[in-house]
Amino acid sequence: MNSLKGKDFVGAKRVRFGVWLALLGIAALGSPCVFSQTTPVASTSAKPKTSTKTHAAAASEPSVLAAPMKSFGNKNAPITMEVFSDYECPSCRGFFEQTLKPLLGPDGYVAAGKVYLVHRDFPLPMHRYSYQAARWANAAAKIGRFQDVDAALFDNQNTWSADGDIEKTIAAALSPADLKRVERLMAGCEAPAPGAAGVKPASLKTGAQTGPGCGLDAYISSDQELGKSVPVQATPTFVIFYKGQKYPASSGIVTYPILKQFFDSLLSQ
């Protein structure tokens, strides 16, 4: 048998990985939430500023300008997985419950240092409260409580998406002290989400002052812009990187055993 060398070998590896990606597509359960390109997305004129302070060292009230930490695991892990998600999307909830929870569990590949998981906000305008939910999640991320709020939003999706009372779900996931910190970061976020004129979540106080705008929107917009470059056409969409190589994006619910097999195929190279 002739051995493969150079470009032929690289091409063979890509074919192999392409087969696995096809398996991922076959294993997808349910229909993703489709993004309509004709629907306006939030303005991206404001870009988030990064902070040189570490996330763990934020003992005082964090600045709105400090970038929220919406990632799990060791950033130096061999595999990075970016997930573009919408908190009100049923398929995103299914993906979180069936796949991401095991990945994040004590026996999962994040805890093992094999996968670095990054959450990207991609709220779809067709969902009334998804953008506001993303605001709450970003505020929680800025005080180091993203994992708790992220899980609470997906676990209780049917409850808060019915009436928009997101704050009630957040309050159940946080201590009273942390809730107050998050509420302060939500100052100025009373206005409806971009592209969702007329929608006023039940958790917002009547007559509240809108102020100069929501300081958290820049981070959501940044994620949306990154998603459009993928391009994200449905949620959930995930992109996998291994040793500097980016693999084609995949959408829909993929079971954890299938995803784990794909990760093992990468790690065996």
C-alpha atoms as a PDB file:
ATOM      1  CA  MET A   1       0.000   0.000   0.000  1.00  0.00           C
ATOM      2  CA  ASN A   2       1.365   3.399  -0.940  1.00  0.00           C
ATOM      3  CA  SER A   3       1.820   5.789   1.974  1.00  0.00           C
ATOM      4  CA  LEU A   4       0.425   9.327   1.834  1.00  0.00           C
ATOM      5  CA  LYS A   5       2.818  12.212   2.118  1.00  0.00           C
ATOM      6  CA  GLY A   6       2.655  15.972   2.219  1.00  0.00           C
ATOM      7  CA  LYS A   7      -0.535  17.507   0.827  1.00  0.00           C
ATOM      8  CA  ASP A   8      -2.031  14.081   0.146  1.00  0.00           C
ATOM      9  CA  PHE A   9      -1.723  13.183   3.837  1.00  0.00           C
ATOM     10  CA  VAL A  10      -3.310  16.466   4.918  1.00  0.00           C
ATOM     11  CA  GLY A  11      -6.112  15.914   2.440  1.00  0.00           C
ATOM     12  CA  ALA A  12      -6.710  12.415   3.781  1.00  0.00           C
ATOM     13  CA  LYS A  13      -7.003  13.767   7.323  1.00  0.00           C
ATOM     14  CA  ARG A  14      -9.529  16.333   6.179  1.00  0.00           C
ATOM     15  CA  VAL A  15     -11.560  13.622   4.480  1.00  0.00           C
ATOM     16  CA  ARG A  16     -11.540  11.597   7.689  1.00  0.00           C
ATOM     17  CA  PHE A  17     -12.652  14.584   9.725  1.00  0.00           C
ATOM     18  CA  GLY A  18     -15.261  15.348   7.074  1.00  0.00           C
ATOM     19  CA  VAL A  19     -16.724  11.880   7.624  1.00  0.00           C
ATOM     20  CA  TRP A  20     -16.990  12.559  11.329  1.00  0.00           C
ATOM     21  CA  LEU A  21     -18.668  15.898  10.676  1.00  0.00           C
ATOM     22  CA  ALA A  22     -21.131  14.120   8.426  1.00  0.00           C
ATOM     23  CA  LEU A  23     -21.839  11.693  11.254  1.00  0.00           C
ATOM     24  CA  LEU A  24     -22.465  14.642  13.516  1.00  0.00           C
ATOM     25  CA  GLY A  25     -25.016  15.926  11.063  1.00  0.00           C
ATOM     26  CA  ILE A  26     -26.689  12.535  10.827  1.00  0.00           C
ATOM     27  CA  ALA A  27     -26.826  12.320  14.613  1.00  0.00           C
ATOM     28  CA  ALA A  28     -28.527  15.708  14.942  1.00  0.00           C
ATOM     29  CA  LEU A  29     -31.821  15.487  16.808  1.00  0.00           C
ATOM     30  CA  GLY A  30     -34.618  17.960  16.218  1.00  0.00           C
ATOM     31  CA  SER A  31     -34.616  21.093  14.117  1.00  0.00           C
ATOM     32  CA  PRO A  32     -32.377  24.081  14.924  1.00  0.00           C
ATOM     33  CA  CYS A  33     -33.806  27.584  15.231  1.00  0.00           C
ATOM     34  CA  VAL A  34     -33.211  29.105  11.802  1.00  0.00           C
ATOM     35  CA  PHE A  35     -31.821  32.614  11.501  1.00  0.00           C
ATOM     36  CA  SER A  36     -33.477  34.739   8.832  1.00  0.00           C
ATOM     37  CA  GLN A  37     -30.924  36.920   7.064  1.00  0.00           C
ATOM     38  CA  THR A  38     -33.688  39.409   6.241  1.00  0.00           C
ATOM     39  CA  THR A  39     -34.331  40.115   9.927  1.00  0.00           C
ATOM     40  CA  PRO A  40     -32.280  43.027  11.331  1.00  0.00           C
ATOM     41  CA  VAL A  41     -29.596  42.244  13.879  1.00  0.00           C
ATOM     42  CA  ALA A  42     -28.464  44.622  16.574  1.00  0.00           C
ATOM     43  CA  SER A  43     -26.165  47.454  15.554  1.00  0.00           C
ATOM     44  CA  THR A  44     -22.504  46.612  16.051  1.00  0.00           C
ATOM     45  CA  SER A  45     -21.099  50.112  16.060  1.00  0.00           C
ATOM     46  CA  ALA A  46     -20.076  49.819  19.705  1.00  0.00           C
ATOM     47  CA  LYS A  47     -17.214  47.415  20.302  1.00  0.00           C
ATOM     48  CA  PRO A  48     -16.493  45.958  23.762  1.00  0.00           C
ATOM     49  CA  LYS A  49     -13.323  46.980  25.496  1.00  0.00           C
ATOM     50  CA  THR A  50     -11.177  44.347  27.151  1.00  0.00           C
ATOM     51  CA  SER A  51      -9.715  44.505  30.620  1.00  0.00           C
ATOM     52  CA  THR A  52      -6.264  43.435  31.746  1.00  0.00           C
ATOM     53  CA  LYS A  53      -7.632  42.389  35.154  1.00  0.00           C
ATOM     54  CA  THR A  54      -8.211  38.690  35.674  1.00  0.00           C
ATOM     55  CA  HIS A  55     -11.746  37.426  36.107  1.00  0.00           C
ATOM     56  CA  ALA A  56     -11.040  35.760  39.427  1.00  0.00           C
ATOM     57  CA  ALA A  57      -9.557  38.922  40.926  1.00  0.00           C
ATOM     58  CA  ALA A  58     -12.715  41.025  40.527  1.00  0.00           C
ATOM     59  CA  ALA A  59     -13.287  41.668  44.225  1.00  0.00           C
ATOM     60  CA  SER A  60     -14.882  45.089  43.718  1.00  0.00           C
ATOM     61  CA  GLU A  61     -17.885  45.890  41.546  1.00  0.00           C
ATOM     62  CA  PRO A  62     -16.872  45.065  37.953  1.00  0.00           C
ATOM     63  CA  SER A  63     -16.926  47.756  35.312  1.00  0.00           C
ATOM     64  CA  VAL A  64     -19.375  47.402  32.455  1.00  0.00           C
ATOM     65  CA  LEU A  65     -16.364  47.869  30.167  1.00  0.00           C
ATOM     66  CA  ALA A  66     -14.650  44.731  31.483  1.00  0.00           C
ATOM     67  CA  ALA A  67     -15.293  41.850  29.084  1.00  0.00           C
ATOM     68  CA  PRO A  68     -17.550  39.125  30.541  1.00  0.00           C
ATOM     69  CA  MET A  69     -16.132  35.633  30.901  1.00  0.00           C
ATOM     70  CA  LYS A  70     -18.446  33.191  29.122  1.00  0.00           C
ATOM     71  CA  SER A  71     -16.098  30.244  28.807  1.00  0.00           C
ATOM     72  CA  PHE A  72     -15.352  27.006  30.624  1.00  0.00           C
ATOM     73  CA  GLY A  73     -12.132  25.110  31.153  1.00  0.00           C
ATOM     74  CA  ASN A  74      -8.496  25.681  30.268  1.00  0.00           C
ATOM     75  CA  LYS A  75      -7.994  28.043  27.328  1.00  0.00           C
ATOM     76  CA  ASN A  76      -4.840  26.059  26.483  1.00  0.00           C
ATOM     77  CA  ALA A  77      -6.803  22.833  26.006  1.00  0.00           C
ATOM     78  CA  PRO A  78      -6.058  21.108  22.656  1.00  0.00           C
ATOM     79  CA  ILE A  79      -9.676  21.485  21.502  1.00  0.00           C
ATOM     80  CA  THR A  80     -11.700  24.691  21.529  1.00  0.00           C
ATOM     81  CA  MET A  81     -15.430  24.553  20.905  1.00  0.00           C
ATOM     82  CA  GLU A  82     -17.410  27.745  20.296  1.00  0.00           C
ATOM     83  CA  VAL A  83     -21.190  27.463  20.590  1.00  0.00           C
ATOM     84  CA  PHE A  84     -23.472  30.147  19.157  1.00  0.00           C
ATOM     85  CA  SER A  85     -26.706  29.926  21.085  1.00  0.00           C
ATOM     86  CA  ASP A  86     -30.070  31.576  21.755  1.00  0.00           C
ATOM     87  CA  TYR A  87     -31.519  31.193  25.257  1.00  0.00           C
ATOM     88  CA  GLU A  88     -35.086  31.036  23.961  1.00  0.00           C
ATOM     89  CA  CYS A  89     -34.366  28.500  21.207  1.00  0.00           C
ATOM     90  CA  PRO A  90     -35.774  25.037  22.099  1.00  0.00           C
ATOM     91  CA  SER A  91     -32.997  23.282  20.185  1.00  0.00           C
ATOM     92  CA  CYS A  92     -30.376  25.280  22.090  1.00  0.00           C
ATOM     93  CA  ARG A  93     -31.942  24.107  25.315  1.00  0.00           C
ATOM     94  CA  GLY A  94     -31.871  20.519  24.076  1.00  0.00           C
ATOM     95  CA  PHE A  95     -28.220  20.846  23.073  1.00  0.00           C
ATOM     96  CA  PHE A  96     -27.363  22.270  26.488  1.00  0.00           C
ATOM     97  CA  GLU A  97     -29.249  19.594  28.426  1.00  0.00           C
ATOM     98  CA  GLN A  98     -28.201  16.586  26.345  1.00  0.00           C
ATOM     99  CA  THR A  99     -24.685  17.496  25.243  1.00  0.00           C
ATOM    100  CA  LEU A 100     -23.123  20.459  27.006  1.00  0.00           C
ATOM    101  CA  LYS A 101     -24.075  19.374  30.527  1.00  0.00           C
ATOM    102  CA  PRO A 102     -22.208  16.057  30.183  1.00  0.00           C
ATOM    103  CA  LEU A 103     -19.321  17.881  28.527  1.00  0.00           C
ATOM    104  CA  LEU A 104     -19.164  20.240  31.528  1.00  0.00           C
ATOM    105  CA  GLY A 105     -19.734  17.523  34.118  1.00  0.00           C
ATOM    106  CA  PRO A 106     -17.117  16.118  36.489  1.00  0.00           C
ATOM    107  CA  ASP A 107     -16.333  13.307  34.034  1.00  0.00           C
ATOM    108  CA  GLY A 108     -16.551  15.500  30.943  1.00  0.00           C
ATOM    109  CA  TYR A 109     -13.788  16.641  28.638  1.00  0.00           C
ATOM    110  CA  VAL A 110     -13.816  20.217  29.939  1.00  0.00           C
ATOM    111  CA  ALA A 111     -12.898  19.089  33.459  1.00  0.00           C
ATOM    112  CA  ALA A 112     -10.308  16.742  31.952  1.00  0.00           C
ATOM    113  CA  GLY A 113      -8.566  19.671  30.274  1.00  0.00           C
ATOM    114  CA  LYS A 114      -9.258  18.371  26.776  1.00  0.00           C
ATOM    115  CA  VAL A 115     -11.862  20.925  25.666  1.00  0.00           C
ATOM    116  CA  TYR A 116     -12.163  24.678  26.142  1.00  0.00           C
ATOM    117  CA  LEU A 117     -15.845  25.598  25.747  1.00  0.00           C
ATOM    118  CA  VAL A 118     -16.829  29.127  24.724  1.00  0.00           C
ATOM    119  CA  HIS A 119     -20.394  30.463  24.753  1.00  0.00           C
ATOM    120  CA  ARG A 120     -21.337  32.992  22.066  1.00  0.00           C
ATOM    121  CA  ASP A 121     -24.608  34.901  22.195  1.00  0.00           C
ATOM    122  CA  PHE A 122     -26.665  34.786  19.033  1.00  0.00           C
ATOM    123  CA  PRO A 123     -30.212  35.782  20.062  1.00  0.00           C
ATOM    124  CA  LEU A 124     -32.641  35.527  17.167  1.00  0.00           C
ATOM    125  CA  PRO A 125     -35.039  38.454  16.637  1.00  0.00           C
ATOM    126  CA  MET A 126     -37.960  36.053  16.227  1.00  0.00           C
ATOM    127  CA  HIS A 127     -37.666  35.187  19.934  1.00  0.00           C
ATOM    128  CA  ARG A 128     -39.233  37.894  22.087  1.00  0.00           C
ATOM    129  CA  TYR A 129     -37.024  37.653  25.161  1.00  0.00           C
ATOM    130  CA  SER A 130     -33.815  35.972  24.025  1.00  0.00           C
ATOM    131  CA  TYR A 131     -31.859  39.213  23.719  1.00  0.00           C
ATOM    132  CA  GLN A 132     -32.874  40.324  27.215  1.00  0.00           C
ATOM    133  CA  ALA A 133     -31.887  36.895  28.548  1.00  0.00           C
ATOM    134  CA  ALA A 134     -28.471  37.327  26.929  1.00  0.00           C
ATOM    135  CA  ARG A 135     -28.124  40.668  28.723  1.00  0.00           C
ATOM    136  CA  TRP A 136     -28.759  39.007  32.082  1.00  0.00           C
ATOM    137  CA  ALA A 137     -26.290  36.232  31.255  1.00  0.00           C
ATOM    138  CA  ASN A 138     -23.585  38.745  30.331  1.00  0.00           C
ATOM    139  CA  ALA A 139     -24.186  40.687  33.544  1.00  0.00           C
ATOM    140  CA  ALA A 140     -23.855  37.484  35.551  1.00  0.00           C
ATOM    141  CA  ALA A 141     -20.685  36.580  33.654  1.00  0.00           C
ATOM    142  CA  LYS A 142     -19.105  39.832  34.736  1.00  0.00           C
ATOM    143  CA  ILE A 143     -19.354  38.855  38.409  1.00  0.00           C
ATOM    144  CA  GLY A 144     -18.223  35.262  37.843  1.00  0.00           C
ATOM    145  CA  ARG A 145     -21.654  33.640  37.975  1.00  0.00           C
ATOM    146  CA  PHE A 146     -22.188  32.849  34.290  1.00  0.00           C
ATOM    147  CA  GLN A 147     -22.366  29.068  34.698  1.00  0.00           C
ATOM    148  CA  ASP A 148     -25.192  29.317  37.245  1.00  0.00           C
ATOM    149  CA  VAL A 149     -27.262  31.752  35.199  1.00  0.00           C
ATOM    150  CA  ASP A 150     -26.531  30.020  31.900  1.00  0.00           C
ATOM    151  CA  ALA A 151     -27.901  26.753  33.316  1.00  0.00           C
ATOM    152  CA  ALA A 152     -30.863  28.461  34.977  1.00  0.00           C
ATOM    153  CA  LEU A 153     -31.942  30.149  31.741  1.00  0.00           C
ATOM    154  CA  PHE A 154     -31.913  26.885  29.787  1.00  0.00           C
ATOM    155  CA  ASP A 155     -33.366  24.759  32.602  1.00  0.00           C
ATOM    156  CA  ASN A 156     -36.283  27.184  33.067  1.00  0.00           C
ATOM    157  CA  GLN A 157     -36.739  28.268  29.459  1.00  0.00           C
ATOM    158  CA  ASN A 158     -40.434  27.371  29.341  1.00  0.00           C
ATOM    159  CA  THR A 159     -41.145  29.502  32.414  1.00  0.00           C
ATOM    160  CA  TRP A 160     -39.479  32.827  31.641  1.00  0.00           C
ATOM    161  CA  SER A 161     -40.140  32.708  27.895  1.00  0.00           C
ATOM    162  CA  ALA A 162     -43.883  32.616  28.600  1.00  0.00           C
ATOM    163  CA  ASP A 163     -44.068  36.058  30.218  1.00  0.00           C
ATOM    164  CA  GLY A 164     -40.576  37.579  29.988  1.00  0.00           C
ATOM    165  CA  ASP A 165     -40.034  37.557  33.754  1.00  0.00           C
ATOM    166  CA  ILE A 166     -36.368  36.644  33.444  1.00  0.00           C
ATOM    167  CA  GLU A 167     -35.368  38.303  36.696  1.00  0.00           C
ATOM    168  CA  LYS A 168     -37.380  35.765  38.702  1.00  0.00           C
ATOM    169  CA  THR A 169     -35.306  32.948  37.180  1.00  0.00           C
ATOM    170  CA  ILE A 170     -32.064  34.833  37.790  1.00  0.00           C
ATOM    171  CA  ALA A 171     -33.025  35.544  41.411  1.00  0.00           C
ATOM    172  CA  ALA A 172     -33.512  31.835  42.074  1.00  0.00           C
ATOM    173  CA  ALA A 173     -30.024  31.078  40.737  1.00  0.00           C
ATOM    174  CA  LEU A 174     -28.104  33.766  42.640  1.00  0.00           C
ATOM    175  CA  SER A 175     -27.637  34.875  46.212  1.00  0.00           C
ATOM    176  CA  PRO A 176     -29.365  38.172  47.142  1.00  0.00           C
ATOM    177  CA  ALA A 177     -25.989  39.922  47.190  1.00  0.00           C
ATOM    178  CA  ASP A 178     -25.004  38.647  43.739  1.00  0.00           C
ATOM    179  CA  LEU A 179     -28.448  39.507  42.368  1.00  0.00           C
ATOM    180  CA  LYS A 180     -27.977  43.120  43.474  1.00  0.00           C
ATOM    181  CA  ARG A 181     -24.604  43.251  41.700  1.00  0.00           C
ATOM    182  CA  VAL A 182     -26.140  41.878  38.516  1.00  0.00           C
ATOM    183  CA  GLU A 183     -29.062  44.308  38.738  1.00  0.00           C
ATOM    184  CA  ARG A 184     -26.636  47.219  38.968  1.00  0.00           C
ATOM    185  CA  LEU A 185     -24.910  46.018  35.788  1.00  0.00           C
ATOM    186  CA  MET A 186     -28.318  45.825  34.115  1.00  0.00           C
ATOM    187  CA  ALA A 187     -28.858  49.557  34.676  1.00  0.00           C
ATOM    188  CA  GLY A 188     -29.752  51.145  31.346  1.00  0.00           C
ATOM    189  CA  CYS A 189     -30.974  47.845  29.935  1.00  0.00           C
ATOM    190  CA  GLU A 190     -34.666  48.671  30.377  1.00  0.00           C
ATOM    191  CA  ALA A 191     -35.121  49.536  26.720  1.00  0.00           C
ATOM    192  CA  PRO A 192     -36.352  46.789  24.366  1.00  0.00           C
ATOM    193  CA  ALA A 193     -33.676  44.764  22.662  1.00  0.00           C
ATOM    194  CA  PRO A 194     -32.538  46.004  19.226  1.00  0.00           C
ATOM    195  CA  GLY A 195     -34.923  44.716  16.562  1.00  0.00           C
ATOM    196  CA  ALA A 196     -37.615  43.943  19.135  1.00  0.00           C
ATOM    197  CA  ALA A 197     -39.538  47.212  19.299  1.00  0.00           C
ATOM    198  CA  GLY A 198     -42.587  47.110  21.518  1.00  0.00           C
ATOM    199  CA  VAL A 199     -41.473  44.148  23.608  1.00  0.00           C
ATOM    200  CA  LYS A 200     -41.222  44.994  27.290  1.00  0.00           C
ATOM    201  CA  PRO A 201     -40.232  42.052  29.512  1.00  0.00           C
ATOM    202  CA  ALA A 202     -42.310  41.621  32.680  1.00  0.00           C
ATOM    203  CA  SER A 203     -39.158  41.836  34.801  1.00  0.00           C
ATOM    204  CA  LEU A 204     -38.641  45.493  33.840  1.00  0.00           C
ATOM    205  CA  LYS A 205     -40.162  48.092  36.128  1.00  0.00           C
ATOM    206  CA  THR A 206     -42.834  50.309  34.614  1.00  0.00           C
ATOM    207  CA  GLY A 207     -41.641  53.866  34.116  1.00  0.00           C
ATOM    208  CA  ALA A 208     -37.953  52.980  34.437  1.00  0.00           C
ATOM    209  CA  GLN A 209     -35.516  55.424  32.913  1.00  0.00           C
ATOM    210  CA  THR A 210     -33.792  54.093  29.828  1.00  0.00           C
ATOM    211  CA  GLY A 211     -30.670  56.216  30.244  1.00  0.00           C
ATOM    212  CA  PRO A 212     -27.878  56.168  27.645  1.00  0.00           C
ATOM    213  CA  GLY A 213     -28.459  52.544  26.680  1.00  0.00           C
ATOM    214  CA  CYS A 214     -27.449  49.094  27.813  1.00  0.00           C
ATOM    215  CA  GLY A 215     -23.702  48.789  28.298  1.00  0.00           C
ATOM    216  CA  LEU A 216     -23.924  45.010  27.841  1.00  0.00           C
ATOM    217  CA  ASP A 217     -25.230  45.162  24.279  1.00  0.00           C
ATOM    218  CA  ALA A 218     -21.750  45.659  22.816  1.00  0.00           C
ATOM    219  CA  TYR A 219     -20.716  42.170  23.934  1.00  0.00           C
ATOM    220  CA  ILE A 220     -23.800  40.557  22.434  1.00  0.00           C
ATOM    221  CA  SER A 221     -23.290  42.470  19.191  1.00  0.00           C
ATOM    222  CA  SER A 222     -19.659  41.365  19.081  1.00  0.00           C
ATOM    223  CA  ASP A 223     -20.739  37.720  19.328  1.00  0.00           C
ATOM    224  CA  GLN A 224     -23.366  38.249  16.626  1.00  0.00           C
ATOM    225  CA  GLU A 225     -20.831  39.766  14.256  1.00  0.00           C
ATOM    226  CA  LEU A 226     -18.508  36.826  14.842  1.00  0.00           C
ATOM    227  CA  GLY A 227     -21.417  34.489  14.192  1.00  0.00           C
ATOM    228  CA  LYS A 228     -22.301  36.148  10.909  1.00  0.00           C
ATOM    229  CA  SER A 229     -18.735  35.564   9.731  1.00  0.00           C
ATOM    230  CA  VAL A 230     -19.049  31.786  10.331  1.00  0.00           C
ATOM    231  CA  PRO A 231     -21.813  32.124   9.033  1.00  0.00           C
ATOM    232  CA  VAL A 232     -24.377  31.121  11.647  1.00  0.00           C
ATOM    233  CA  GLN A 233     -27.627  30.306   9.891  1.00  0.00           C
ATOM    234  CA  ALA A 234     -29.347  28.514  12.772  1.00  0.00           C
ATOM    235  CA  THR A 235     -28.919  27.948  16.490  1.00  0.00           C
ATOM    236  CA  PRO A 236     -27.273  26.134  18.047  1.00  0.00           C
ATOM    237  CA  THR A 237     -24.225  26.285  15.790  1.00  0.00           C
ATOM    238  CA  PHE A 238     -20.839  25.125  16.987  1.00  0.00           C
ATOM    239  CA  VAL A 239     -17.345  25.509  15.575  1.00  0.00           C
ATOM    240  CA  ILE A 240     -14.440  23.291  16.624  1.00  0.00           C
ATOM    241  CA  PHE A 241     -10.746  24.196  16.575  1.00  0.00           C
ATOM    242  CA  TYR A 242      -7.918  21.708  17.041  1.00  0.00           C
ATOM    243  CA  LYS A 243      -4.275  22.726  17.119  1.00  0.00           C
ATOM    244  CA  GLY A 244      -4.968  25.887  15.179  1.00  0.00           C
ATOM    245  CA  GLN A 245      -7.159  24.252  12.545  1.00  0.00           C
ATOM    246  CA  LYS A 246     -10.790  25.293  12.227  1.00  0.00           C
ATOM    247  CA  TYR A 247     -13.340  22.681  11.186  1.00  0.00           C
ATOM    248  CA  PRO A 248     -16.638  23.366   9.386  1.00  0.00           C
ATOM    249  CA  ALA A 249     -19.495  24.622  11.546  1.00  0.00           C
ATOM    250  CA  SER A 250     -22.330  22.264  12.415  1.00  0.00           C
ATOM    251  CA  SER A 251     -25.878  23.100  13.560  1.00  0.00           C
ATOM    252  CA  GLY A 252     -28.493  21.253  15.563  1.00  0.00           C
ATOM    253  CA  ILE A 253     -28.489  18.903  18.518  1.00  0.00           C
ATOM    254  CA  VAL A 254     -25.648  16.400  18.534  1.00  0.00           C
ATOM    255  CA  THR A 255     -25.535  13.716  21.214  1.00  0.00           C
ATOM    256  CA  TYR A 256     -22.620  13.784  23.615  1.00  0.00           C
ATOM    257  CA  PRO A 257     -21.422  10.233  22.784  1.00  0.00           C
ATOM    258  CA  ILE A 258     -21.095  11.169  19.088  1.00  0.00           C
ATOM    259  CA  LEU A 259     -19.395  14.465  19.908  1.00  0.00           C
ATOM    260  CA  LYS A 260     -17.029  12.667  22.292  1.00  0.00           C
ATOM    261  CA  GLN A 261     -16.108  10.194  19.530  1.00  0.00           C
ATOM    262  CA  PHE A 262     -15.241  13.120  17.269  1.00  0.00           C
ATOM    263  CA  PHE A 263     -13.093  14.673  19.978  1.00  0.00           C
ATOM    264  CA  ASP A 264     -11.328  11.343  20.501  1.00  0.00           C
ATOM    265  CA  SER A 265     -10.601  11.133  16.776  1.00  0.00           C
ATOM    266  CA  LEU A 266      -8.939  14.552  16.949  1.00  0.00           C
ATOM    267  CA  LEU A 267      -6.971  13.780  20.099  1.00  0.00           C
ATOM    268  CA  SER A 268      -5.653  10.546  18.589  1.00  0.00           C
ATOM    269  CA  GLN A 269      -3.850  12.438  15.805  1.00  0.00           C
END
